[in-house]
Amino acid sequence: MDDNPAIRGALRRILEFNDGWTVCGEAVDGRDGIEKANELRPDLVVLDLSMPVMNGLEAARHLHQTQPHLPVILCSLHSDDVLQREAAAAGVTAIVSKAHNMETLVRKARELLASR
C-alpha cells in the first residue's frame, strides 16, 4: 500500500518477478488497504508508514485485530526504537527502511512467507 501510483507499480513488478508470487491488490491509503486485505485475504501485506487517511501503523493495528497471523511489513524512511516499539504493538511483523534497496524488502517478504 502506498499513495504514490508509480511506487505501487514498481513494487508490484518487483514482487511479481519472484516465481509463484502474485500481487492480489493495491491500495491508495490505509483504510483502502484494510478493506482490500479483509476482502482478498493475502498471504502478506506491505504498508507504507506515511499514507493519507490512515497511516501504516493504524492500518496494521486494524489488520492485526481481524487477521492476527497475517505478516505485515512496514516501510519507512526512518526506523528508531520508538517506531519499532509502536510497530510491534500494532502487529507489524517487520520494518524495512526505504533507504535500503528493494532486495531487502523481497528478502524479508520471502522469509515471512516461508515461515507460514
C-alpha atoms as a PDB file:
ATOM      1  CA  MET A   1       0.000   0.000   0.000  1.00  0.00           C
ATOM      2  CA  ASP A   2       1.345   3.352  -0.993  1.00  0.00           C
ATOM      3  CA  ASP A   3      -0.362   6.544  -2.078  1.00  0.00           C
ATOM      4  CA  ASN A   4       2.075   7.027  -4.983  1.00  0.00           C
ATOM      5  CA  PRO A   5       0.960   5.031  -8.058  1.00  0.00           C
ATOM      6  CA  ALA A   6       4.490   4.917  -9.503  1.00  0.00           C
ATOM      7  CA  ILE A   7       5.858   3.377  -6.309  1.00  0.00           C
ATOM      8  CA  ARG A   8       2.970   0.900  -6.129  1.00  0.00           C
ATOM      9  CA  GLY A   9       3.602  -0.120  -9.742  1.00  0.00           C
ATOM     10  CA  ALA A  10       7.339  -0.558  -9.200  1.00  0.00           C
ATOM     11  CA  LEU A  11       6.747  -2.569  -6.052  1.00  0.00           C
ATOM     12  CA  ARG A  12       4.217  -4.769  -7.850  1.00  0.00           C
ATOM     13  CA  ARG A  13       6.678  -5.508 -10.668  1.00  0.00           C
ATOM     14  CA  ILE A  14       9.498  -6.308  -8.231  1.00  0.00           C
ATOM     15  CA  LEU A  15       7.347  -8.629  -6.127  1.00  0.00           C
ATOM     16  CA  GLU A  16       5.764 -10.403  -9.088  1.00  0.00           C
ATOM     17  CA  PHE A  17       9.214 -11.014 -10.579  1.00  0.00           C
ATOM     18  CA  ASN A  18       9.542 -13.735  -7.921  1.00  0.00           C
ATOM     19  CA  ASP A  19       8.285 -17.132  -9.088  1.00  0.00           C
ATOM     20  CA  GLY A  20       4.981 -18.070  -7.525  1.00  0.00           C
ATOM     21  CA  TRP A  21       4.227 -14.608  -6.169  1.00  0.00           C
ATOM     22  CA  THR A  22       1.149 -12.692  -7.267  1.00  0.00           C
ATOM     23  CA  VAL A  23       0.108  -9.279  -6.022  1.00  0.00           C
ATOM     24  CA  CYS A  24      -3.609  -9.647  -5.386  1.00  0.00           C
ATOM     25  CA  GLY A  25      -4.330  -5.967  -4.712  1.00  0.00           C
ATOM     26  CA  GLU A  26      -3.065  -2.445  -4.261  1.00  0.00           C
ATOM     27  CA  ALA A  27      -4.351   0.306  -2.009  1.00  0.00           C
ATOM     28  CA  VAL A  28      -4.037   4.086  -2.083  1.00  0.00           C
ATOM     29  CA  ASP A  29      -4.362   4.635   1.672  1.00  0.00           C
ATOM     30  CA  GLY A  30      -4.616   2.762   4.944  1.00  0.00           C
ATOM     31  CA  ARG A  31      -8.376   2.464   5.006  1.00  0.00           C
ATOM     32  CA  ASP A  32      -8.461   1.172   1.423  1.00  0.00           C
ATOM     33  CA  GLY A  33      -5.727  -1.285   2.347  1.00  0.00           C
ATOM     34  CA  ILE A  34      -7.672  -2.673   5.285  1.00  0.00           C
ATOM     35  CA  GLU A  35     -10.768  -3.161   3.139  1.00  0.00           C
ATOM     36  CA  LYS A  36      -8.810  -4.922   0.392  1.00  0.00           C
ATOM     37  CA  ALA A  37      -6.847  -7.101   2.813  1.00  0.00           C
ATOM     38  CA  ASN A  38     -10.045  -8.205   4.537  1.00  0.00           C
ATOM     39  CA  GLU A  39     -11.665  -8.937   1.169  1.00  0.00           C
ATOM     40  CA  LEU A  40      -8.700 -10.570  -0.617  1.00  0.00           C
ATOM     41  CA  ARG A  41      -7.078 -12.329   2.389  1.00  0.00           C
ATOM     42  CA  PRO A  42      -3.458 -12.040   1.156  1.00  0.00           C
ATOM     43  CA  ASP A  43      -0.536 -14.067   2.494  1.00  0.00           C
ATOM     44  CA  LEU A  44       1.415 -10.865   3.240  1.00  0.00           C
ATOM     45  CA  VAL A  45       0.789  -7.117   3.382  1.00  0.00           C
ATOM     46  CA  VAL A  46       3.319  -4.350   2.719  1.00  0.00           C
ATOM     47  CA  LEU A  47       2.389  -0.975   4.234  1.00  0.00           C
ATOM     48  CA  ASP A  48       3.952   2.441   3.909  1.00  0.00           C
ATOM     49  CA  LEU A  49       4.193   4.284   7.220  1.00  0.00           C
ATOM     50  CA  SER A  50       3.145   7.610   5.681  1.00  0.00           C
ATOM     51  CA  MET A  51      -0.193   7.233   3.918  1.00  0.00           C
ATOM     52  CA  PRO A  52      -3.189   9.526   3.740  1.00  0.00           C
ATOM     53  CA  VAL A  53      -6.470   8.860   5.576  1.00  0.00           C
ATOM     54  CA  MET A  54      -4.852   6.251   7.865  1.00  0.00           C
ATOM     55  CA  ASN A  55      -1.121   5.698   8.294  1.00  0.00           C
ATOM     56  CA  GLY A  56       0.616   2.335   8.181  1.00  0.00           C
ATOM     57  CA  LEU A  57       0.673   1.856  11.951  1.00  0.00           C
ATOM     58  CA  GLU A  58      -3.055   2.466  12.245  1.00  0.00           C
ATOM     59  CA  ALA A  59      -3.755   0.144   9.303  1.00  0.00           C
ATOM     60  CA  ALA A  60      -1.523  -2.551  10.813  1.00  0.00           C
ATOM     61  CA  ARG A  61      -3.382  -2.257  14.123  1.00  0.00           C
ATOM     62  CA  HIS A  62      -6.727  -2.833  12.391  1.00  0.00           C
ATOM     63  CA  LEU A  63      -5.378  -5.710  10.300  1.00  0.00           C
ATOM     64  CA  HIS A  64      -3.905  -7.352  13.384  1.00  0.00           C
ATOM     65  CA  GLN A  65      -7.338  -7.322  15.025  1.00  0.00           C
ATOM     66  CA  THR A  66      -9.047  -9.058  12.090  1.00  0.00           C
ATOM     67  CA  GLN A  67      -6.143 -11.204  10.815  1.00  0.00           C
ATOM     68  CA  PRO A  68      -3.715 -11.667  13.718  1.00  0.00           C
ATOM     69  CA  HIS A  69      -1.483 -14.151  11.855  1.00  0.00           C
ATOM     70  CA  LEU A  70      -1.117 -12.019   8.714  1.00  0.00           C
ATOM     71  CA  PRO A  71       2.517 -10.950   8.231  1.00  0.00           C
ATOM     72  CA  VAL A  72       2.814  -7.182   7.805  1.00  0.00           C
ATOM     73  CA  ILE A  73       5.908  -5.369   6.542  1.00  0.00           C
ATOM     74  CA  LEU A  74       6.066  -1.662   7.302  1.00  0.00           C
ATOM     75  CA  CYS A  75       8.187   0.519   5.005  1.00  0.00           C
ATOM     76  CA  SER A  76       9.520   3.767   6.409  1.00  0.00           C
ATOM     77  CA  LEU A  77      12.222   6.311   5.711  1.00  0.00           C
ATOM     78  CA  HIS A  78      13.243   6.210   9.361  1.00  0.00           C
ATOM     79  CA  SER A  79      13.413   3.424  11.884  1.00  0.00           C
ATOM     80  CA  ASP A  80      14.160   4.197  15.502  1.00  0.00           C
ATOM     81  CA  ASP A  81      13.411   2.480  18.796  1.00  0.00           C
ATOM     82  CA  VAL A  82      10.134   4.369  19.242  1.00  0.00           C
ATOM     83  CA  LEU A  83       8.856   3.321  15.813  1.00  0.00           C
ATOM     84  CA  GLN A  84       9.956  -0.260  16.385  1.00  0.00           C
ATOM     85  CA  ARG A  85       8.026  -0.432  19.684  1.00  0.00           C
ATOM     86  CA  GLU A  86       4.928   1.180  18.169  1.00  0.00           C
ATOM     87  CA  ALA A  87       5.103  -1.119  15.150  1.00  0.00           C
ATOM     88  CA  ALA A  88       5.438  -4.236  17.302  1.00  0.00           C
ATOM     89  CA  ALA A  89       2.465  -3.136  19.422  1.00  0.00           C
ATOM     90  CA  ALA A  90       0.444  -2.595  16.218  1.00  0.00           C
ATOM     91  CA  GLY A  91       1.158  -6.119  14.974  1.00  0.00           C
ATOM     92  CA  VAL A  92       3.819  -5.255  12.393  1.00  0.00           C
ATOM     93  CA  THR A  93       5.999  -8.285  11.706  1.00  0.00           C
ATOM     94  CA  ALA A  94       8.963  -6.437  10.163  1.00  0.00           C
ATOM     95  CA  ILE A  95      10.136  -2.921   9.339  1.00  0.00           C
ATOM     96  CA  VAL A  96      12.092  -2.277   6.155  1.00  0.00           C
ATOM     97  CA  SER A  97      13.818   1.037   5.602  1.00  0.00           C
ATOM     98  CA  LYS A  98      13.134   2.786   2.321  1.00  0.00           C
ATOM     99  CA  ALA A  99      16.819   3.724   2.365  1.00  0.00           C
ATOM    100  CA  HIS A 100      17.682   0.080   1.590  1.00  0.00           C
ATOM    101  CA  ASN A 101      17.332  -1.374  -1.868  1.00  0.00           C
ATOM    102  CA  MET A 102      14.224  -3.312  -2.810  1.00  0.00           C
ATOM    103  CA  GLU A 103      16.066  -6.621  -2.449  1.00  0.00           C
ATOM    104  CA  THR A 104      15.882  -6.087   1.320  1.00  0.00           C
ATOM    105  CA  LEU A 105      12.086  -5.932   1.106  1.00  0.00           C
ATOM    106  CA  VAL A 106      11.952  -9.000  -1.148  1.00  0.00           C
ATOM    107  CA  ARG A 107      14.267 -10.947   1.170  1.00  0.00           C
ATOM    108  CA  LYS A 108      12.136 -10.077   4.215  1.00  0.00           C
ATOM    109  CA  ALA A 109       8.929 -10.996   2.357  1.00  0.00           C
ATOM    110  CA  ARG A 110      10.479 -14.310   1.323  1.00  0.00           C
ATOM    111  CA  GLU A 111      11.451 -15.054   4.940  1.00  0.00           C
ATOM    112  CA  LEU A 112       7.979 -14.246   6.261  1.00  0.00           C
ATOM    113  CA  LEU A 113       6.206 -16.277   3.587  1.00  0.00           C
ATOM    114  CA  ALA A 114       8.497 -19.266   4.145  1.00  0.00           C
ATOM    115  CA  SER A 115       7.727 -19.263   7.869  1.00  0.00           C
ATOM    116  CA  ARG A 116       3.954 -19.519   7.341  1.00  0.00           C
END
